[in-house]
C-alpha atoms as a PDB file:
ATOM      1  CA  MET A   1     101.205 115.160  99.827  1.00  0.00           C
ATOM      2  CA  SER A   2     104.860 116.053  99.347  1.00  0.00           C
ATOM      3  CA  LYS A   3     106.952 114.918  96.411  1.00  0.00           C
ATOM      4  CA  GLU A   4     109.227 112.999  98.782  1.00  0.00           C
ATOM      5  CA  THR A   5     106.324 111.126 100.390  1.00  0.00           C
ATOM      6  CA  SER A   6     104.772 110.237  97.046  1.00  0.00           C
ATOM      7  CA  LEU A   7     108.048 109.019  95.564  1.00  0.00           C
ATOM      8  CA  ALA A   8     108.819 106.959  98.674  1.00  0.00           C
ATOM      9  CA  ALA A   9     105.351 105.405  98.416  1.00  0.00           C
ATOM     10  CA  LEU A  10     105.878 104.562  94.746  1.00  0.00           C
ATOM     11  CA  ASP A  11     109.239 103.035  95.585  1.00  0.00           C
ATOM     12  CA  ASN A  12     107.509 100.888  98.231  1.00  0.00           C
ATOM     13  CA  CYS A  13     105.097  99.746  95.535  1.00  0.00           C
ATOM     14  CA  PHE A  14     108.021  98.755  93.302  1.00  0.00           C
ATOM     15  CA  THR A  15     109.549  96.781  96.176  1.00  0.00           C
ATOM     16  CA  ASP A  16     106.302  95.003  97.090  1.00  0.00           C
ATOM     17  CA  PHE A  17     105.692  94.183  93.427  1.00  0.00           C
ATOM     18  CA  SER A  18     109.163  92.810  92.774  1.00  0.00           C
ATOM     19  CA  ASP A  19     109.178  90.812  96.023  1.00  0.00           C
ATOM     20  CA  LEU A  20     105.809  89.305  95.146  1.00  0.00           C
ATOM     21  CA  ILE A  21     106.546  88.198  91.593  1.00  0.00           C
ATOM     22  CA  GLN A  22     109.942  86.749  92.500  1.00  0.00           C
ATOM     23  CA  GLY A  23     108.105  84.301  94.736  1.00  0.00           C
ATOM     24  CA  PHE A  24     105.741  83.015  92.038  1.00  0.00           C
ATOM     25  CA  SER A  25     105.752  79.358  91.112  1.00  0.00           C
ATOM     26  CA  GLU A  26     105.518  78.459  87.426  1.00  0.00           C
ATOM     27  CA  ASP A  27     101.812  77.681  87.871  1.00  0.00           C
ATOM     28  CA  ASP A  28     101.075  81.010  89.585  1.00  0.00           C
ATOM     29  CA  TRP A  29     101.660  82.985  86.391  1.00  0.00           C
ATOM     30  CA  GLY A  30      98.625  81.422  84.701  1.00  0.00           C
ATOM     31  CA  ILE A  31      96.147  81.813  87.567  1.00  0.00           C
ATOM     32  CA  GLN A  32      93.213  84.140  86.911  1.00  0.00           C
ATOM     33  CA  SER A  33      93.640  87.506  88.637  1.00  0.00           C
ATOM     34  CA  LEU A  34      90.762  89.604  89.955  1.00  0.00           C
ATOM     35  CA  CYS A  35      90.900  91.536  86.673  1.00  0.00           C
ATOM     36  CA  PRO A  36      88.483  89.737  84.322  1.00  0.00           C
ATOM     37  CA  ASP A  37      90.710  90.076  81.243  1.00  0.00           C
ATOM     38  CA  TRP A  38      94.062  89.191  82.820  1.00  0.00           C
ATOM     39  CA  ASP A  39      95.753  86.264  84.434  1.00  0.00           C
ATOM     40  CA  ILE A  40      98.616  86.954  86.849  1.00  0.00           C
ATOM     41  CA  ARG A  41     101.036  87.255  83.937  1.00  0.00           C
ATOM     42  CA  GLY A  42      98.771  89.855  82.339  1.00  0.00           C
ATOM     43  CA  VAL A  43      98.720  92.001  85.477  1.00  0.00           C
ATOM     44  CA  VAL A  44     102.519  91.875  85.727  1.00  0.00           C
ATOM     45  CA  THR A  45     102.803  92.852  82.064  1.00  0.00           C
ATOM     46  CA  HIS A  46     100.417  95.774  82.561  1.00  0.00           C
ATOM     47  CA  LEU A  47     102.218  97.210  85.589  1.00  0.00           C
ATOM     48  CA  ALA A  48     105.677  96.804  84.075  1.00  0.00           C
ATOM     49  CA  GLY A  49     104.530  98.111  80.703  1.00  0.00           C
ATOM     50  CA  ILE A  50     103.250 101.417  82.081  1.00  0.00           C
ATOM     51  CA  GLU A  51     106.526 102.007  83.913  1.00  0.00           C
ATOM     52  CA  ASP A  52     108.450 101.109  80.760  1.00  0.00           C
ATOM     53  CA  LEU A  53     106.587 103.596  78.579  1.00  0.00           C
ATOM     54  CA  LEU A  54     107.066 106.322  81.197  1.00  0.00           C
ATOM     55  CA  LEU A  55     110.863 105.973  80.974  1.00  0.00           C
ATOM     56  CA  GLY A  56     112.221 109.152  79.447  1.00  0.00           C
ATOM     57  CA  TRP A  57     108.809 110.791  79.078  1.00  0.00           C
ATOM     58  CA  VAL A  58     108.716 114.435  80.127  1.00  0.00           C
ATOM     59  CA  PRO A  59     105.250 116.057  79.949  1.00  0.00           C
ATOM     60  CA  LYS A  60     104.986 119.408  78.237  1.00  0.00           C
ATOM     61  CA  SER A  61     101.270 120.292  78.384  1.00  0.00           C
ATOM     62  CA  THR A  62      97.821 118.996  79.286  1.00  0.00           C
ATOM     63  CA  ASP A  63      97.306 118.292  75.575  1.00  0.00           C
ATOM     64  CA  GLU A  64      99.952 115.596  75.766  1.00  0.00           C
ATOM     65  CA  TRP A  65      99.077 112.071  76.805  1.00  0.00           C
ATOM     66  CA  PRO A  66     101.665 109.638  78.124  1.00  0.00           C
ATOM     67  CA  PRO A  67     102.835 107.352  75.283  1.00  0.00           C
ATOM     68  CA  PHE A  68     100.277 104.628  75.998  1.00  0.00           C
ATOM     69  CA  GLY A  69     100.484 103.563  72.367  1.00  0.00           C
ATOM     70  CA  LYS A  70     103.705 101.730  73.215  1.00  0.00           C
ATOM     71  CA  MET A  71     101.817  99.209  75.352  1.00  0.00           C
ATOM     72  CA  ALA A  72     100.780  96.971  72.464  1.00  0.00           C
ATOM     73  CA  GLU A  73     104.388  96.515  71.363  1.00  0.00           C
ATOM     74  CA  PHE A  74     105.484  95.844  74.961  1.00  0.00           C
ATOM     75  CA  GLU A  75     102.716  93.288  75.520  1.00  0.00           C
ATOM     76  CA  SER A  76     103.636  91.524  72.294  1.00  0.00           C
ATOM     77  CA  ALA A  77     107.287  91.290  73.315  1.00  0.00           C
ATOM     78  CA  MET A  78     106.412  90.025  76.799  1.00  0.00           C
ATOM     79  CA  ALA A  79     104.132  87.324  75.388  1.00  0.00           C
ATOM     80  CA  ASP A  80     107.141  85.463  73.968  1.00  0.00           C
ATOM     81  CA  LEU A  81     109.156  85.492  77.199  1.00  0.00           C
ATOM     82  CA  SER A  82     109.563  82.777  79.792  1.00  0.00           C
ATOM     83  CA  SER A  83     108.721  83.565  83.412  1.00  0.00           C
ATOM     84  CA  THR A  84     112.433  83.921  84.172  1.00  0.00           C
ATOM     85  CA  GLU A  85     112.849  86.368  81.299  1.00  0.00           C
ATOM     86  CA  ILE A  86     109.783  88.337  82.451  1.00  0.00           C
ATOM     87  CA  LEU A  87     111.310  88.691  85.911  1.00  0.00           C
ATOM     88  CA  GLN A  88     114.597  89.906  84.448  1.00  0.00           C
ATOM     89  CA  THR A  89     112.770  92.422  82.239  1.00  0.00           C
ATOM     90  CA  VAL A  90     110.638  93.751  85.088  1.00  0.00           C
ATOM     91  CA  MET A  91     113.619  94.196  87.413  1.00  0.00           C
ATOM     92  CA  LYS A  92     115.518  96.168  84.781  1.00  0.00           C
ATOM     93  CA  ILE A  93     112.524  98.446  84.198  1.00  0.00           C
ATOM     94  CA  LEU A  94     112.037  99.088  87.910  1.00  0.00           C
ATOM     95  CA  ASP A  95     115.751  99.819  88.391  1.00  0.00           C
ATOM     96  CA  LYS A  96     115.659 102.347  85.552  1.00  0.00           C
ATOM     97  CA  ARG A  97     112.492 103.982  86.868  1.00  0.00           C
ATOM     98  CA  ARG A  98     113.943 104.237  90.357  1.00  0.00           C
ATOM     99  CA  GLN A  99     117.008 105.985  88.979  1.00  0.00           C
ATOM    100  CA  GLU A 100     114.925 108.304  86.826  1.00  0.00           C
ATOM    101  CA  LEU A 101     112.552 109.220  89.644  1.00  0.00           C
ATOM    102  CA  SER A 102     115.447 109.851  92.042  1.00  0.00           C
ATOM    103  CA  GLU A 103     116.721 112.526  89.643  1.00  0.00           C
ATOM    104  CA  LEU A 104     113.296 114.065  88.955  1.00  0.00           C
ATOM    105  CA  GLY A 105     113.235 117.836  89.323  1.00  0.00           C
ATOM    106  CA  ASP A 106     110.421 119.862  90.813  1.00  0.00           C
ATOM    107  CA  ASP A 107     109.720 121.349  87.386  1.00  0.00           C
ATOM    108  CA  VAL A 108     108.789 117.932  85.984  1.00  0.00           C
ATOM    109  CA  TRP A 109     106.919 116.930  89.150  1.00  0.00           C
ATOM    110  CA  GLU A 110     104.754 120.024  88.891  1.00  0.00           C
ATOM    111  CA  ALA A 111     104.404 119.935  85.084  1.00  0.00           C
ATOM    112  CA  GLU A 112     100.863 119.780  83.730  1.00  0.00           C
ATOM    113  CA  CYS A 113      99.956 116.774  81.625  1.00  0.00           C
ATOM    114  CA  MET A 114      97.100 114.474  80.728  1.00  0.00           C
ATOM    115  CA  THR A 115      96.651 111.578  83.156  1.00  0.00           C
ATOM    116  CA  PRO A 116      94.214 108.667  83.549  1.00  0.00           C
ATOM    117  CA  VAL A 117      92.122 110.939  85.822  1.00  0.00           C
ATOM    118  CA  GLY A 118      92.198 113.930  83.461  1.00  0.00           C
ATOM    119  CA  PRO A 119      94.466 116.990  83.272  1.00  0.00           C
ATOM    120  CA  ALA A 120      96.743 117.164  86.309  1.00  0.00           C
ATOM    121  CA  THR A 121     100.396 117.349  87.292  1.00  0.00           C
ATOM    122  CA  TYR A 122     103.014 114.664  86.768  1.00  0.00           C
ATOM    123  CA  GLY A 123     103.115 114.310  90.556  1.00  0.00           C
ATOM    124  CA  ARG A 124      99.372 113.613  90.667  1.00  0.00           C
ATOM    125  CA  PHE A 125      99.937 111.008  87.948  1.00  0.00           C
ATOM    126  CA  MET A 126     102.511 109.288  90.148  1.00  0.00           C
ATOM    127  CA  ASN A 127      99.945 109.072  92.942  1.00  0.00           C
ATOM    128  CA  VAL A 128      97.621 107.373  90.464  1.00  0.00           C
ATOM    129  CA  ARG A 129     100.467 104.941  89.758  1.00  0.00           C
ATOM    130  CA  VAL A 130     100.618 104.179  93.488  1.00  0.00           C
ATOM    131  CA  PHE A 131      96.876 103.467  93.434  1.00  0.00           C
ATOM    132  CA  ASP A 132      97.295 101.250  90.368  1.00  0.00           C
ATOM    133  CA  PHE A 133     100.089  99.223  91.950  1.00  0.00           C
ATOM    134  CA  TRP A 134      98.270  98.873  95.281  1.00  0.00           C
ATOM    135  CA  VAL A 135      95.076  97.557  93.698  1.00  0.00           C
ATOM    136  CA  HIS A 136      96.758  95.339  91.109  1.00  0.00           C
ATOM    137  CA  GLN A 137      98.986  93.798  93.753  1.00  0.00           C
ATOM    138  CA  ARG A 138      95.837  92.590  95.504  1.00  0.00           C
ATOM    139  CA  ASP A 139      94.413  91.484  92.164  1.00  0.00           C
ATOM    140  CA  MET A 140      97.220  88.944  92.333  1.00  0.00           C
ATOM    141  CA  THR A 141      97.609  88.195  96.036  1.00  0.00           C
ATOM    142  CA  ILE A 142      93.933  87.591  96.851  1.00  0.00           C
ATOM    143  CA  PRO A 143      93.417  84.734  94.339  1.00  0.00           C
ATOM    144  CA  LEU A 144      96.844  83.353  95.295  1.00  0.00           C
ATOM    145  CA  GLY A 145      95.929  83.403  98.987  1.00  0.00           C
ATOM    146  CA  ILE A 146      98.888  85.614  99.895  1.00  0.00           C
ATOM    147  CA  ASP A 147      98.540  88.027 102.819  1.00  0.00           C
ATOM    148  CA  THR A 148      99.504  91.668 102.297  1.00  0.00           C
ATOM    149  CA  ASP A 149     100.454  94.532 104.560  1.00  0.00           C
ATOM    150  CA  ASP A 150      97.714  97.062 103.821  1.00  0.00           C
ATOM    151  CA  SER A 151      99.232  99.891 105.857  1.00  0.00           C
ATOM    152  CA  GLY A 152     101.755 102.588 104.996  1.00  0.00           C
ATOM    153  CA  ALA A 153     101.922 105.732 102.883  1.00  0.00           C
ATOM    154  CA  HIS A 154     101.267 103.859  99.636  1.00  0.00           C
ATOM    155  CA  ALA A 155      98.051 102.454 101.120  1.00  0.00           C
ATOM    156  CA  GLU A 156      97.026 105.930 102.309  1.00  0.00           C
ATOM    157  CA  ILE A 157      97.623 107.378  98.835  1.00  0.00           C
ATOM    158  CA  ALA A 158      95.642 104.556  97.219  1.00  0.00           C
ATOM    159  CA  LEU A 159      92.753 105.226  99.594  1.00  0.00           C
ATOM    160  CA  ASP A 160      92.980 108.948  98.803  1.00  0.00           C
ATOM    161  CA  GLU A 161      92.078 108.134  95.183  1.00  0.00           C
ATOM    162  CA  VAL A 162      88.837 106.482  96.263  1.00  0.00           C
ATOM    163  CA  HIS A 163      88.166 109.133  98.916  1.00  0.00           C
ATOM    164  CA  GLY A 164      88.370 111.840  96.268  1.00  0.00           C
ATOM    165  CA  SER A 165      85.704 110.036  94.223  1.00  0.00           C
ATOM    166  CA  LEU A 166      83.311 109.533  97.122  1.00  0.00           C
ATOM    167  CA  GLY A 167      80.939 112.234  95.892  1.00  0.00           C
ATOM    168  CA  TYR A 168      80.592 110.424  92.572  1.00  0.00           C
ATOM    169  CA  ILE A 169      80.130 107.084  94.348  1.00  0.00           C
ATOM    170  CA  ALA A 170      77.478 108.493  96.692  1.00  0.00           C
ATOM    171  CA  GLY A 171      75.555 110.369  94.020  1.00  0.00           C
ATOM    172  CA  LYS A 172      75.914 108.293  90.875  1.00  0.00           C
ATOM    173  CA  LYS A 173      76.617 104.745  92.046  1.00  0.00           C
ATOM    174  CA  ILE A 174      74.688 104.536  95.328  1.00  0.00           C
ATOM    175  CA  GLY A 175      72.157 107.108  94.150  1.00  0.00           C
ATOM    176  CA  LEU A 176      71.646 109.057  97.367  1.00  0.00           C
ATOM    177  CA  GLU A 177      68.880 111.619  97.034  1.00  0.00           C
ATOM    178  CA  ASP A 178      68.997 115.329  97.816  1.00  0.00           C
ATOM    179  CA  GLY A 179      69.316 115.964 101.543  1.00  0.00           C
ATOM    180  CA  MET A 180      70.814 112.539 102.263  1.00  0.00           C
ATOM    181  CA  SER A 181      74.287 111.819 103.594  1.00  0.00           C
ATOM    182  CA  ILE A 182      76.557 108.859 104.225  1.00  0.00           C
ATOM    183  CA  ALA A 183      79.450 108.058 106.543  1.00  0.00           C
ATOM    184  CA  PHE A 184      82.081 105.381 106.002  1.00  0.00           C
ATOM    185  CA  HIS A 185      84.018 104.167 109.021  1.00  0.00           C
ATOM    186  CA  LEU A 186      87.031 102.202 107.802  1.00  0.00           C
ATOM    187  CA  HIS A 187      88.995  99.924 110.079  1.00  0.00           C
ATOM    188  CA  GLY A 188      91.850  97.486 109.819  1.00  0.00           C
ATOM    189  CA  ALA A 189      95.271  98.430 108.488  1.00  0.00           C
ATOM    190  CA  ILE A 190      94.062 101.989 107.908  1.00  0.00           C
ATOM    191  CA  GLU A 191      91.413 103.685 110.018  1.00  0.00           C
ATOM    192  CA  ARG A 192      89.668 106.615 108.401  1.00  0.00           C
ATOM    193  CA  ASP A 193      86.215 108.225 108.468  1.00  0.00           C
ATOM    194  CA  LEU A 194      84.829 109.396 105.125  1.00  0.00           C
ATOM    195  CA  PHE A 195      81.721 111.500 104.583  1.00  0.00           C
ATOM    196  CA  ALA A 196      79.587 112.601 101.653  1.00  0.00           C
ATOM    197  CA  GLU A 197      76.328 114.498 101.419  1.00  0.00           C
ATOM    198  CA  VAL A 198      73.907 115.509  98.697  1.00  0.00           C
ATOM    199  CA  ASP A 199      73.042 119.199  98.627  1.00  0.00           C
ATOM    200  CA  GLY A 200      71.997 119.766  95.048  1.00  0.00           C
ATOM    201  CA  ARG A 201      74.871 117.485  94.076  1.00  0.00           C
ATOM    202  CA  ALA A 202      76.810 114.847  95.972  1.00  0.00           C
ATOM    203  CA  LYS A 203      80.139 115.954  97.400  1.00  0.00           C
ATOM    204  CA  VAL A 204      82.821 114.937  99.883  1.00  0.00           C
ATOM    205  CA  VAL A 205      82.561 116.777 103.202  1.00  0.00           C
ATOM    206  CA  ASP A 206      84.643 116.809 106.370  1.00  0.00           C
ATOM    207  CA  ASN A 207      81.914 115.543 108.682  1.00  0.00           C
ATOM    208  CA  VAL A 208      78.221 114.658 108.894  1.00  0.00           C
ATOM    209  CA  ASP A 209      76.424 114.931 112.231  1.00  0.00           C
ATOM    210  CA  ASP A 210      73.469 112.643 111.503  1.00  0.00           C
ATOM    211  CA  PRO A 211      74.094 110.597 108.343  1.00  0.00           C
ATOM    212  CA  THR A 212      71.264 108.792 106.572  1.00  0.00           C
ATOM    213  CA  VAL A 213      73.366 105.655 106.732  1.00  0.00           C
ATOM    214  CA  SER A 214      76.725 104.701 108.219  1.00  0.00           C
ATOM    215  CA  ILE A 215      78.879 102.008 106.671  1.00  0.00           C
ATOM    216  CA  SER A 216      81.537 100.101 108.613  1.00  0.00           C
ATOM    217  CA  ALA A 217      84.082  98.275 106.482  1.00  0.00           C
ATOM    218  CA  ASP A 218      87.469  96.675 106.483  1.00  0.00           C
ATOM    219  CA  THR A 219      89.736  98.984 104.501  1.00  0.00           C
ATOM    220  CA  GLN A 220      90.875  96.363 101.990  1.00  0.00           C
ATOM    221  CA  SER A 221      87.286  95.214 101.428  1.00  0.00           C
ATOM    222  CA  PHE A 222      86.160  98.818 100.908  1.00  0.00           C
ATOM    223  CA  MET A 223      88.941  99.449  98.399  1.00  0.00           C
ATOM    224  CA  MET A 224      88.398  96.267  96.426  1.00  0.00           C
ATOM    225  CA  LEU A 225      84.628  96.768  96.371  1.00  0.00           C
ATOM    226  CA  ALA A 226      85.139 100.331  95.121  1.00  0.00           C
ATOM    227  CA  CYS A 227      87.334  98.942  92.368  1.00  0.00           C
ATOM    228  CA  GLY A 228      84.766  96.311  91.411  1.00  0.00           C
ATOM    229  CA  ARG A 229      87.063  93.411  92.197  1.00  0.00           C
ATOM    230  CA  ILE A 230      85.148  91.349  94.747  1.00  0.00           C
ATOM    231  CA  ASP A 231      81.586  90.160  95.368  1.00  0.00           C
ATOM    232  CA  PRO A 232      79.626  92.449  97.742  1.00  0.00           C
ATOM    233  CA  GLN A 233      77.529  89.544  99.032  1.00  0.00           C
ATOM    234  CA  GLN A 234      80.662  87.675 100.044  1.00  0.00           C
ATOM    235  CA  GLU A 235      81.897  90.663 102.039  1.00  0.00           C
ATOM    236  CA  ILE A 236      78.468  91.197 103.650  1.00  0.00           C
ATOM    237  CA  ASP A 237      78.218  87.528 104.648  1.00  0.00           C
ATOM    238  CA  ALA A 238      81.738  87.623 106.109  1.00  0.00           C
ATOM    239  CA  GLY A 239      80.937  90.731 108.154  1.00  0.00           C
ATOM    240  CA  ARG A 240      83.632  92.775 106.451  1.00  0.00           C
ATOM    241  CA  ILE A 241      81.057  95.415 105.530  1.00  0.00           C
ATOM    242  CA  SER A 242      77.957  96.318 107.533  1.00  0.00           C
ATOM    243  CA  TRP A 243      75.704  99.295 108.127  1.00  0.00           C
ATOM    244  CA  THR A 244      73.522 101.175 110.597  1.00  0.00           C
ATOM    245  CA  GLY A 245      70.823 103.742 109.985  1.00  0.00           C
ATOM    246  CA  ASP A 246      68.538 103.350 106.985  1.00  0.00           C
ATOM    247  CA  ALA A 247      68.830  99.633 106.233  1.00  0.00           C
ATOM    248  CA  SER A 248      67.716  99.812 102.598  1.00  0.00           C
ATOM    249  CA  TRP A 249      70.257 102.517 101.780  1.00  0.00           C
ATOM    250  CA  GLY A 250      72.914 100.672 103.747  1.00  0.00           C
ATOM    251  CA  GLU A 251      72.481  97.542 101.666  1.00  0.00           C
ATOM    252  CA  LYS A 252      72.333  99.592  98.467  1.00  0.00           C
ATOM    253  CA  ALA A 253      75.576 101.341  99.409  1.00  0.00           C
ATOM    254  CA  ALA A 254      77.377  98.094 100.233  1.00  0.00           C
ATOM    255  CA  ARG A 255      76.369  96.635  96.871  1.00  0.00           C
ATOM    256  CA  ASN A 256      77.125  99.707  94.741  1.00  0.00           C
ATOM    257  CA  LEU A 257      80.523 101.075  95.713  1.00  0.00           C
ATOM    258  CA  ARG A 258      82.163 100.195  92.413  1.00  0.00           C
ATOM    259  CA  PHE A 259      83.364 103.266  90.541  1.00  0.00           C
ATOM    260  CA  THR A 260      86.175 101.778  88.466  1.00  0.00           C
ATOM    261  CA  ILE A 261      87.689  98.498  87.316  1.00  0.00           C
END
């Protein structure tokens, strides 16, 4: 994934986020999000707070974490603001981040640092930010009953984060045994086939000829199940996730995709 593609995707996330929250009614801010600990206001504070603490931060080594310690102070300040003041604060932060990212050199993009997924580059961290925005946006829109466009580069990057963890999901969460394999056929806004097999350990592979079980799922349902946001039974009953092959492993897979929250 090129720097230009990743930055354009992050900018799309900023736009989707700002467009969404500017349309909130006063009551919307207090509605429970899909994150157990946050209402809609809490999700907005989280997303804006991470971007705020990243302003001016230049990583120097993998021993250096982003300044997450600033979040408590940011959350405290946001707690005293009206919804109008929150909107104004968020827009200023996003404008500053856009300007900063537009001037970002390749040296910073490729700099090693500590990220939420372990040691990686600043660029990899920005892809994690895309994932964070994509999922949290739906943490807000789903309970509010707002439709989203689940296509585009930012959606592809968000899915990449789950795709990269498919070995862990297959081996540790679903519990596939040695010699077993699984295929995921995603449809909807994004169509993609994902495969994992267990050969000593579970790993992502390019293809599986005869998988133990094949899962068919709507892409948004797959993503939100993997992030532990929605009820598997609800998605099964609605036909948004189904399986062929070994029925017991299919049901186990559909109910145990969660690898993060």
